[in-house]
Amino acid sequence: MPVKMSEEEMRQIAERRVAEKKGFFIHLVVYITVNAFLVGVWAMTNGLTNYSFPWFIYPMAGWGIGLIFHFLAVFVFPKRGGEWERREIQKEIEKLKKE
């Protein structure tokens, strides 16, 4: 039986989702900034050493995979308001009432 959410519960869920989205966008900005710095380091040292291999692709790709998973967790498969958690809490409350 679905339990109706109070206004406060809906607000908490909305605030959590907004915080998760904000966290993703901060992660994205840091990813772009750091990787731009790494590309700049590579570009500046490339002329000095004549080493043309773009080594920055390895950290960029590895971190990019993590960023993709972060995106999926926030926008594609978000938590659905903690339905399971609410049911479990309700079960525990019922158990405590019986004791």
PDB file of N, CA and C in Angstrom:
ATOM      1  N   MET A   1       0.838  -1.164   0.000  1.00  0.00           N
ATOM      2  CA  MET A   1       0.000   0.000   0.000  1.00  0.00           C
ATOM      3  C   MET A   1       0.894   1.241   0.000  1.00  0.00           C
ATOM      4  N   PRO A   2       0.783   2.090  -1.018  1.00  0.00           N
ATOM      5  CA  PRO A   2       1.624   3.281  -1.067  1.00  0.00           C
ATOM      6  C   PRO A   2       1.261   4.254   0.044  1.00  0.00           C
ATOM      7  N   VAL A   3       2.290   4.810   0.622  1.00  0.00           N
ATOM      8  CA  VAL A   3       2.116   5.771   1.701  1.00  0.00           C
ATOM      9  C   VAL A   3       2.196   7.169   1.091  1.00  0.00           C
ATOM     10  N   LYS A   4       1.221   8.028   1.428  1.00  0.00           N
ATOM     11  CA  LYS A   4       1.262   9.396   0.922  1.00  0.00           C
ATOM     12  C   LYS A   4       2.392  10.153   1.603  1.00  0.00           C
ATOM     13  N   MET A   5       3.079  10.947   0.810  1.00  0.00           N
ATOM     14  CA  MET A   5       4.169  11.738   1.353  1.00  0.00           C
ATOM     15  C   MET A   5       3.641  13.084   1.833  1.00  0.00           C
ATOM     16  N   SER A   6       4.195  13.529   2.917  1.00  0.00           N
ATOM     17  CA  SER A   6       3.841  14.859   3.413  1.00  0.00           C
ATOM     18  C   SER A   6       4.602  15.905   2.591  1.00  0.00           C
ATOM     19  N   GLU A   7       4.192  17.130   2.758  1.00  0.00           N
ATOM     20  CA  GLU A   7       4.871  18.234   2.072  1.00  0.00           C
ATOM     21  C   GLU A   7       6.347  18.285   2.472  1.00  0.00           C
ATOM     22  N   GLU A   8       6.615  18.035   3.755  1.00  0.00           N
ATOM     23  CA  GLU A   8       7.996  18.073   4.255  1.00  0.00           C
ATOM     24  C   GLU A   8       8.831  16.973   3.612  1.00  0.00           C
ATOM     25  N   GLU A   9       8.278  15.769   3.480  1.00  0.00           N
ATOM     26  CA  GLU A   9       9.004  14.662   2.849  1.00  0.00           C
ATOM     27  C   GLU A   9       9.293  14.973   1.380  1.00  0.00           C
ATOM     28  N   MET A  10       8.299  15.529   0.675  1.00  0.00           N
ATOM     29  CA  MET A  10       8.509  15.889  -0.734  1.00  0.00           C
ATOM     30  C   MET A  10       9.580  16.959  -0.858  1.00  0.00           C
ATOM     31  N   ARG A  11       9.566  17.909   0.079  1.00  0.00           N
ATOM     32  CA  ARG A  11      10.577  18.966   0.045  1.00  0.00           C
ATOM     33  C   ARG A  11      11.971  18.395   0.284  1.00  0.00           C
ATOM     34  N   GLN A  12      12.089  17.459   1.222  1.00  0.00           N
ATOM     35  CA  GLN A  12      13.386  16.841   1.496  1.00  0.00           C
ATOM     36  C   GLN A  12      13.893  16.073   0.278  1.00  0.00           C
ATOM     37  N   ILE A  13      13.008  15.352  -0.373  1.00  0.00           N
ATOM     38  CA  ILE A  13      13.406  14.601  -1.566  1.00  0.00           C
ATOM     39  C   ILE A  13      13.840  15.564  -2.667  1.00  0.00           C
ATOM     40  N   ALA A  14      13.066  16.629  -2.873  1.00  0.00           N
ATOM     41  CA  ALA A  14      13.412  17.624  -3.894  1.00  0.00           C
ATOM     42  C   ALA A  14      14.755  18.280  -3.580  1.00  0.00           C
ATOM     43  N   GLU A  15      14.988  18.614  -2.315  1.00  0.00           N
ATOM     44  CA  GLU A  15      16.262  19.225  -1.934  1.00  0.00           C
ATOM     45  C   GLU A  15      17.421  18.269  -2.171  1.00  0.00           C
ATOM     46  N   ARG A  16      17.220  16.974  -1.869  1.00  0.00           N
ATOM     47  CA  ARG A  16      18.272  15.992  -2.102  1.00  0.00           C
ATOM     48  C   ARG A  16      18.581  15.869  -3.599  1.00  0.00           C
ATOM     49  N   ARG A  17      17.541  15.862  -4.426  1.00  0.00           N
ATOM     50  CA  ARG A  17      17.758  15.753  -5.875  1.00  0.00           C
ATOM     51  C   ARG A  17      18.478  16.976  -6.424  1.00  0.00           C
ATOM     52  N   VAL A  18      18.102  18.161  -5.940  1.00  0.00           N
ATOM     53  CA  VAL A  18      18.784  19.379  -6.375  1.00  0.00           C
ATOM     54  C   VAL A  18      20.246  19.340  -5.945  1.00  0.00           C
ATOM     55  N   ALA A  19      20.516  18.866  -4.741  1.00  0.00           N
ATOM     56  CA  ALA A  19      21.898  18.761  -4.260  1.00  0.00           C
ATOM     57  C   ALA A  19      22.693  17.773  -5.117  1.00  0.00           C
ATOM     58  N   GLU A  20      22.063  16.670  -5.526  1.00  0.00           N
ATOM     59  CA  GLU A  20      22.743  15.698  -6.378  1.00  0.00           C
ATOM     60  C   GLU A  20      23.060  16.307  -7.742  1.00  0.00           C
ATOM     61  N   LYS A  21      22.127  17.070  -8.307  1.00  0.00           N
ATOM     62  CA  LYS A  21      22.372  17.725  -9.596  1.00  0.00           C
ATOM     63  C   LYS A  21      23.485  18.757  -9.475  1.00  0.00           C
ATOM     64  N   LYS A  22      23.454  19.531  -8.398  1.00  0.00           N
ATOM     65  CA  LYS A  22      24.500  20.525  -8.165  1.00  0.00           C
ATOM     66  C   LYS A  22      25.860  19.842  -8.047  1.00  0.00           C
ATOM     67  N   GLY A  23      25.893  18.717  -7.336  1.00  0.00           N
ATOM     68  CA  GLY A  23      27.137  17.964  -7.205  1.00  0.00           C
ATOM     69  C   GLY A  23      27.666  17.487  -8.541  1.00  0.00           C
ATOM     70  N   PHE A  24      26.762  17.050  -9.427  1.00  0.00           N
ATOM     71  CA  PHE A  24      27.203  16.617 -10.752  1.00  0.00           C
ATOM     72  C   PHE A  24      27.802  17.786 -11.528  1.00  0.00           C
ATOM     73  N   PHE A  25      27.134  18.935 -11.511  1.00  0.00           N
ATOM     74  CA  PHE A  25      27.639  20.070 -12.285  1.00  0.00           C
ATOM     75  C   PHE A  25      28.969  20.582 -11.735  1.00  0.00           C
ATOM     76  N   ILE A  26      29.155  20.535 -10.425  1.00  0.00           N
ATOM     77  CA  ILE A  26      30.454  20.892  -9.848  1.00  0.00           C
ATOM     78  C   ILE A  26      31.511  19.906 -10.321  1.00  0.00           C
ATOM     79  N   HIS A  27      31.176  18.622 -10.319  1.00  0.00           N
ATOM     80  CA  HIS A  27      32.084  17.581 -10.801  1.00  0.00           C
ATOM     81  C   HIS A  27      32.461  17.844 -12.261  1.00  0.00           C
ATOM     82  N   LEU A  28      31.481  18.209 -13.079  1.00  0.00           N
ATOM     83  CA  LEU A  28      31.727  18.488 -14.496  1.00  0.00           C
ATOM     84  C   LEU A  28      32.672  19.674 -14.682  1.00  0.00           C
ATOM     85  N   VAL A  29      32.456  20.748 -13.932  1.00  0.00           N
ATOM     86  CA  VAL A  29      33.315  21.929 -14.046  1.00  0.00           C
ATOM     87  C   VAL A  29      34.743  21.602 -13.616  1.00  0.00           C
ATOM     88  N   VAL A  30      34.896  20.848 -12.543  1.00  0.00           N
ATOM     89  CA  VAL A  30      36.232  20.465 -12.085  1.00  0.00           C
ATOM     90  C   VAL A  30      36.906  19.573 -13.135  1.00  0.00           C
ATOM     91  N   TYR A  31      36.155  18.633 -13.707  1.00  0.00           N
ATOM     92  CA  TYR A  31      36.684  17.753 -14.757  1.00  0.00           C
ATOM     93  C   TYR A  31      37.206  18.570 -15.937  1.00  0.00           C
ATOM     94  N   ILE A  32      36.414  19.513 -16.403  1.00  0.00           N
ATOM     95  CA  ILE A  32      36.813  20.333 -17.552  1.00  0.00           C
ATOM     96  C   ILE A  32      38.034  21.181 -17.205  1.00  0.00           C
ATOM     97  N   THR A  33      38.030  21.798 -16.030  1.00  0.00           N
ATOM     98  CA  THR A  33      39.138  22.665 -15.626  1.00  0.00           C
ATOM     99  C   THR A  33      40.444  21.893 -15.493  1.00  0.00           C
ATOM    100  N   VAL A  34      40.410  20.788 -14.772  1.00  0.00           N
ATOM    101  CA  VAL A  34      41.632  20.010 -14.552  1.00  0.00           C
ATOM    102  C   VAL A  34      42.147  19.435 -15.867  1.00  0.00           C
ATOM    103  N   ASN A  35      41.254  18.919 -16.688  1.00  0.00           N
ATOM    104  CA  ASN A  35      41.715  18.331 -17.947  1.00  0.00           C
ATOM    105  C   ASN A  35      42.207  19.383 -18.926  1.00  0.00           C
ATOM    106  N   ALA A  36      41.625  20.574 -18.894  1.00  0.00           N
ATOM    107  CA  ALA A  36      42.160  21.669 -19.717  1.00  0.00           C
ATOM    108  C   ALA A  36      43.574  22.019 -19.259  1.00  0.00           C
ATOM    109  N   PHE A  37      43.794  22.011 -17.941  1.00  0.00           N
ATOM    110  CA  PHE A  37      45.130  22.259 -17.400  1.00  0.00           C
ATOM    111  C   PHE A  37      46.111  21.173 -17.876  1.00  0.00           C
ATOM    112  N   LEU A  38      45.677  19.907 -17.826  1.00  0.00           N
ATOM    113  CA  LEU A  38      46.556  18.815 -18.268  1.00  0.00           C
ATOM    114  C   LEU A  38      46.887  18.931 -19.755  1.00  0.00           C
ATOM    115  N   VAL A  39      45.912  19.292 -20.550  1.00  0.00           N
ATOM    116  CA  VAL A  39      46.175  19.490 -21.988  1.00  0.00           C
ATOM    117  C   VAL A  39      47.148  20.648 -22.178  1.00  0.00           C
ATOM    118  N   GLY A  40      46.994  21.700 -21.391  1.00  0.00           N
ATOM    119  CA  GLY A  40      47.922  22.832 -21.467  1.00  0.00           C
ATOM    120  C   GLY A  40      49.341  22.439 -21.086  1.00  0.00           C
ATOM    121  N   VAL A  41      49.474  21.643 -20.044  1.00  0.00           N
ATOM    122  CA  VAL A  41      50.803  21.162 -19.638  1.00  0.00           C
ATOM    123  C   VAL A  41      51.412  20.334 -20.759  1.00  0.00           C
ATOM    124  N   TRP A  42      50.626  19.462 -21.324  1.00  0.00           N
ATOM    125  CA  TRP A  42      51.111  18.630 -22.429  1.00  0.00           C
ATOM    126  C   TRP A  42      51.536  19.503 -23.608  1.00  0.00           C
ATOM    127  N   ALA A  43      50.718  20.490 -23.947  1.00  0.00           N
ATOM    128  CA  ALA A  43      51.029  21.357 -25.089  1.00  0.00           C
ATOM    129  C   ALA A  43      52.300  22.161 -24.846  1.00  0.00           C
ATOM    130  N   MET A  44      52.496  22.638 -23.614  1.00  0.00           N
ATOM    131  CA  MET A  44      53.676  23.449 -23.322  1.00  0.00           C
ATOM    132  C   MET A  44      54.941  22.605 -23.255  1.00  0.00           C
ATOM    133  N   THR A  45      54.855  21.397 -22.737  1.00  0.00           N
ATOM    134  CA  THR A  45      56.049  20.560 -22.630  1.00  0.00           C
ATOM    135  C   THR A  45      56.318  19.796 -23.911  1.00  0.00           C
ATOM    136  N   ASN A  46      55.349  19.690 -24.761  1.00  0.00           N
ATOM    137  CA  ASN A  46      55.530  18.964 -26.018  1.00  0.00           C
ATOM    138  C   ASN A  46      56.620  19.597 -26.873  1.00  0.00           C
ATOM    139  N   GLY A  47      56.666  20.918 -26.911  1.00  0.00           N
ATOM    140  CA  GLY A  47      57.681  21.598 -27.709  1.00  0.00           C
ATOM    141  C   GLY A  47      59.082  21.433 -27.146  1.00  0.00           C
ATOM    142  N   LEU A  48      59.195  21.268 -25.821  1.00  0.00           N
ATOM    143  CA  LEU A  48      60.506  21.145 -25.198  1.00  0.00           C
ATOM    144  C   LEU A  48      61.089  19.748 -25.353  1.00  0.00           C
ATOM    145  N   THR A  49      60.257  18.746 -25.340  1.00  0.00           N
ATOM    146  CA  THR A  49      60.760  17.380 -25.333  1.00  0.00           C
ATOM    147  C   THR A  49      60.558  16.647 -26.656  1.00  0.00           C
ATOM    148  N   ASN A  50      59.803  17.225 -27.562  1.00  0.00           N
ATOM    149  CA  ASN A  50      59.454  16.576 -28.831  1.00  0.00           C
ATOM    150  C   ASN A  50      58.751  15.241 -28.603  1.00  0.00           C
ATOM    151  N   TYR A  51      58.116  15.104 -27.482  1.00  0.00           N
ATOM    152  CA  TYR A  51      57.348  13.905 -27.165  1.00  0.00           C
ATOM    153  C   TYR A  51      55.899  14.210 -27.497  1.00  0.00           C
ATOM    154  N   SER A  52      55.404  13.688 -28.588  1.00  0.00           N
ATOM    155  CA  SER A  52      54.106  14.115 -29.080  1.00  0.00           C
ATOM    156  C   SER A  52      52.933  13.256 -28.614  1.00  0.00           C
ATOM    157  N   PHE A  53      53.202  12.185 -27.846  1.00  0.00           N
ATOM    158  CA  PHE A  53      52.093  11.333 -27.433  1.00  0.00           C
ATOM    159  C   PHE A  53      51.187  12.082 -26.454  1.00  0.00           C
ATOM    160  N   PRO A  54      49.901  12.133 -26.709  1.00  0.00           N
ATOM    161  CA  PRO A  54      48.974  12.866 -25.825  1.00  0.00           C
ATOM    162  C   PRO A  54      48.644  12.054 -24.571  1.00  0.00           C
ATOM    163  N   TRP A  55      49.528  12.074 -23.598  1.00  0.00           N
ATOM    164  CA  TRP A  55      49.377  11.273 -22.386  1.00  0.00           C
ATOM    165  C   TRP A  55      48.162  11.661 -21.553  1.00  0.00           C
ATOM    166  N   PHE A  56      47.669  12.877 -21.744  1.00  0.00           N
ATOM    167  CA  PHE A  56      46.534  13.354 -20.950  1.00  0.00           C
ATOM    168  C   PHE A  56      45.248  12.575 -21.227  1.00  0.00           C
ATOM    169  N   ILE A  57      45.212  11.794 -22.317  1.00  0.00           N
ATOM    170  CA  ILE A  57      43.981  11.057 -22.625  1.00  0.00           C
ATOM    171  C   ILE A  57      43.679   9.978 -21.589  1.00  0.00           C
ATOM    172  N   TYR A  58      44.719   9.442 -20.937  1.00  0.00           N
ATOM    173  CA  TYR A  58      44.483   8.391 -19.947  1.00  0.00           C
ATOM    174  C   TYR A  58      43.737   8.897 -18.716  1.00  0.00           C
ATOM    175  N   PRO A  59      44.216   9.958 -18.058  1.00  0.00           N
ATOM    176  CA  PRO A  59      43.413  10.453 -16.926  1.00  0.00           C
ATOM    177  C   PRO A  59      42.058  11.012 -17.382  1.00  0.00           C
ATOM    178  N   MET A  60      42.024  11.613 -18.563  1.00  0.00           N
ATOM    179  CA  MET A  60      40.781  12.159 -19.075  1.00  0.00           C
ATOM    180  C   MET A  60      39.752  11.044 -19.315  1.00  0.00           C
ATOM    181  N   ALA A  61      40.199   9.941 -19.892  1.00  0.00           N
ATOM    182  CA  ALA A  61      39.284   8.824 -20.154  1.00  0.00           C
ATOM    183  C   ALA A  61      38.837   8.153 -18.862  1.00  0.00           C
ATOM    184  N   GLY A  62      39.758   7.904 -17.943  1.00  0.00           N
ATOM    185  CA  GLY A  62      39.400   7.265 -16.688  1.00  0.00           C
ATOM    186  C   GLY A  62      38.431   8.095 -15.873  1.00  0.00           C
ATOM    187  N   TRP A  63      38.721   9.361 -15.745  1.00  0.00           N
ATOM    188  CA  TRP A  63      37.856  10.255 -14.998  1.00  0.00           C
ATOM    189  C   TRP A  63      36.528  10.441 -15.731  1.00  0.00           C
ATOM    190  N   GLY A  64      36.598  10.456 -17.067  1.00  0.00           N
ATOM    191  CA  GLY A  64      35.385  10.590 -17.876  1.00  0.00           C
ATOM    192  C   GLY A  64      34.412   9.443 -17.640  1.00  0.00           C
ATOM    193  N   ILE A  65      34.944   8.234 -17.456  1.00  0.00           N
ATOM    194  CA  ILE A  65      34.079   7.088 -17.151  1.00  0.00           C
ATOM    195  C   ILE A  65      33.361   7.322 -15.819  1.00  0.00           C
ATOM    196  N   GLY A  66      34.087   7.810 -14.830  1.00  0.00           N
ATOM    197  CA  GLY A  66      33.464   8.133 -13.546  1.00  0.00           C
ATOM    198  C   GLY A  66      32.411   9.223 -13.681  1.00  0.00           C
ATOM    199  N   LEU A  67      32.681  10.209 -14.518  1.00  0.00           N
ATOM    200  CA  LEU A  67      31.729  11.292 -14.749  1.00  0.00           C
ATOM    201  C   LEU A  67      30.463  10.772 -15.432  1.00  0.00           C
ATOM    202  N   ILE A  68      30.624   9.836 -16.353  1.00  0.00           N
ATOM    203  CA  ILE A  68      29.465   9.234 -17.015  1.00  0.00           C
ATOM    204  C   ILE A  68      28.600   8.499 -15.996  1.00  0.00           C
ATOM    205  N   PHE A  69      29.223   7.731 -15.110  1.00  0.00           N
ATOM    206  CA  PHE A  69      28.458   7.025 -14.078  1.00  0.00           C
ATOM    207  C   PHE A  69      27.765   8.003 -13.131  1.00  0.00           C
ATOM    208  N   HIS A  70      28.425   9.108 -12.817  1.00  0.00           N
ATOM    209  CA  HIS A  70      27.812  10.128 -11.975  1.00  0.00           C
ATOM    210  C   HIS A  70      26.583  10.704 -12.679  1.00  0.00           C
ATOM    211  N   PHE A  71      26.714  11.012 -13.977  1.00  0.00           N
ATOM    212  CA  PHE A  71      25.584  11.513 -14.762  1.00  0.00           C
ATOM    213  C   PHE A  71      24.426  10.526 -14.749  1.00  0.00           C
ATOM    214  N   LEU A  72      24.736   9.250 -14.989  1.00  0.00           N
ATOM    215  CA  LEU A  72      23.682   8.226 -15.011  1.00  0.00           C
ATOM    216  C   LEU A  72      22.978   8.127 -13.664  1.00  0.00           C
ATOM    217  N   ALA A  73      23.742   8.178 -12.583  1.00  0.00           N
ATOM    218  CA  ALA A  73      23.154   8.068 -11.245  1.00  0.00           C
ATOM    219  C   ALA A  73      22.245   9.248 -10.922  1.00  0.00           C
ATOM    220  N   VAL A  74      22.577  10.424 -11.435  1.00  0.00           N
ATOM    221  CA  VAL A  74      21.797  11.616 -11.097  1.00  0.00           C
ATOM    222  C   VAL A  74      20.614  11.824 -12.041  1.00  0.00           C
ATOM    223  N   PHE A  75      20.828  11.653 -13.346  1.00  0.00           N
ATOM    224  CA  PHE A  75      19.801  12.030 -14.308  1.00  0.00           C
ATOM    225  C   PHE A  75      19.037  10.858 -14.927  1.00  0.00           C
ATOM    226  N   VAL A  76      19.661   9.700 -15.060  1.00  0.00           N
ATOM    227  CA  VAL A  76      19.005   8.579 -15.738  1.00  0.00           C
ATOM    228  C   VAL A  76      18.379   7.616 -14.736  1.00  0.00           C
ATOM    229  N   PHE A  77      19.100   7.282 -13.683  1.00  0.00           N
ATOM    230  CA  PHE A  77      18.606   6.343 -12.679  1.00  0.00           C
ATOM    231  C   PHE A  77      18.583   6.982 -11.291  1.00  0.00           C
ATOM    232  N   PRO A  78      17.831   8.068 -11.112  1.00  0.00           N
ATOM    233  CA  PRO A  78      17.826   8.708  -9.784  1.00  0.00           C
ATOM    234  C   PRO A  78      17.094   7.848  -8.772  1.00  0.00           C
ATOM    235  N   LYS A  79      17.420   8.071  -7.515  1.00  0.00           N
ATOM    236  CA  LYS A  79      16.691   7.379  -6.450  1.00  0.00           C
ATOM    237  C   LYS A  79      15.245   7.831  -6.530  1.00  0.00           C
ATOM    238  N   ARG A  80      14.345   6.919  -6.374  1.00  0.00           N
ATOM    239  CA  ARG A  80      12.922   7.227  -6.506  1.00  0.00           C
ATOM    240  C   ARG A  80      12.294   7.568  -5.162  1.00  0.00           C
ATOM    241  N   GLY A  81      12.880   8.503  -4.481  1.00  0.00           N
ATOM    242  CA  GLY A  81      12.286   8.991  -3.248  1.00  0.00           C
ATOM    243  C   GLY A  81      12.447   8.072  -2.056  1.00  0.00           C
ATOM    244  N   GLY A  82      13.264   7.048  -2.171  1.00  0.00           N
ATOM    245  CA  GLY A  82      13.513   6.176  -1.038  1.00  0.00           C
ATOM    246  C   GLY A  82      12.321   5.343  -0.626  1.00  0.00           C
ATOM    247  N   GLU A  83      11.568   4.840  -1.596  1.00  0.00           N
ATOM    248  CA  GLU A  83      10.385   4.024  -1.281  1.00  0.00           C
ATOM    249  C   GLU A  83      10.748   2.839  -0.397  1.00  0.00           C
ATOM    250  N   TRP A  84      11.789   2.120  -0.748  1.00  0.00           N
ATOM    251  CA  TRP A  84      12.210   0.955   0.035  1.00  0.00           C
ATOM    252  C   TRP A  84      12.547   1.373   1.458  1.00  0.00           C
ATOM    253  N   GLU A  85      13.287   2.468   1.571  1.00  0.00           N
ATOM    254  CA  GLU A  85      13.697   2.939   2.890  1.00  0.00           C
ATOM    255  C   GLU A  85      12.486   3.314   3.743  1.00  0.00           C
ATOM    256  N   ARG A  86      11.510   3.991   3.141  1.00  0.00           N
ATOM    257  CA  ARG A  86      10.307   4.360   3.890  1.00  0.00           C
ATOM    258  C   ARG A  86       9.547   3.121   4.355  1.00  0.00           C
ATOM    259  N   ARG A  87       9.448   2.106   3.489  1.00  0.00           N
ATOM    260  CA  ARG A  87       8.758   0.867   3.880  1.00  0.00           C
ATOM    261  C   ARG A  87       9.485   0.189   5.031  1.00  0.00           C
ATOM    262  N   GLU A  88      10.797   0.125   4.951  1.00  0.00           N
ATOM    263  CA  GLU A  88      11.576  -0.510   6.017  1.00  0.00           C
ATOM    264  C   GLU A  88      11.448   0.263   7.331  1.00  0.00           C
ATOM    265  N   ILE A  89      11.472   1.573   7.247  1.00  0.00           N
ATOM    266  CA  ILE A  89      11.304   2.384   8.455  1.00  0.00           C
ATOM    267  C   ILE A  89       9.933   2.130   9.059  1.00  0.00           C
ATOM    268  N   GLN A  90       8.917   2.065   8.207  1.00  0.00           N
ATOM    269  CA  GLN A  90       7.564   1.803   8.702  1.00  0.00           C
ATOM    270  C   GLN A  90       7.486   0.433   9.366  1.00  0.00           C
ATOM    271  N   LYS A  91       8.144  -0.571   8.794  1.00  0.00           N
ATOM    272  CA  LYS A  91       8.170  -1.903   9.399  1.00  0.00           C
ATOM    273  C   LYS A  91       8.809  -1.859  10.778  1.00  0.00           C
ATOM    274  N   GLU A  92       9.943  -1.134  10.885  1.00  0.00           N
ATOM    275  CA  GLU A  92      10.629  -1.035  12.164  1.00  0.00           C
ATOM    276  C   GLU A  92       9.776  -0.309  13.201  1.00  0.00           C
ATOM    277  N   ILE A  93       9.067   0.712  12.773  1.00  0.00           N
ATOM    278  CA  ILE A  93       8.166   1.424  13.684  1.00  0.00           C
ATOM    279  C   ILE A  93       7.087   0.485  14.202  1.00  0.00           C
ATOM    280  N   GLU A  94       6.524  -0.313  13.285  1.00  0.00           N
ATOM    281  CA  GLU A  94       5.488  -1.267  13.688  1.00  0.00           C
ATOM    282  C   GLU A  94       6.032  -2.283  14.689  1.00  0.00           C
ATOM    283  N   LYS A  95       7.249  -2.755  14.464  1.00  0.00           N
ATOM    284  CA  LYS A  95       7.874  -3.702  15.378  1.00  0.00           C
ATOM    285  C   LYS A  95       8.052  -3.082  16.761  1.00  0.00           C
ATOM    286  N   LEU A  96       8.514  -1.831  16.779  1.00  0.00           N
ATOM    287  CA  LEU A  96       8.727  -1.150  18.053  1.00  0.00           C
ATOM    288  C   LEU A  96       7.414  -0.928  18.799  1.00  0.00           C
ATOM    289  N   LYS A  97       6.349  -0.674  18.078  1.00  0.00           N
ATOM    290  CA  LYS A  97       5.044  -0.473  18.712  1.00  0.00           C
ATOM    291  C   LYS A  97       4.552  -1.766  19.352  1.00  0.00           C
ATOM    292  N   LYS A  98       4.878  -2.904  18.756  1.00  0.00           N
ATOM    293  CA  LYS A  98       4.441  -4.197  19.283  1.00  0.00           C
ATOM    294  C   LYS A  98       5.210  -4.584  20.538  1.00  0.00           C
ATOM    295  N   GLU A  99       6.412  -4.093  20.691  1.00  0.00           N
ATOM    296  CA  GLU A  99       7.259  -4.472  21.841  1.00  0.00           C
ATOM    297  C   GLU A  99       6.839  -3.842  23.106  1.00  0.00           C
TER     298      GLU A  99
END
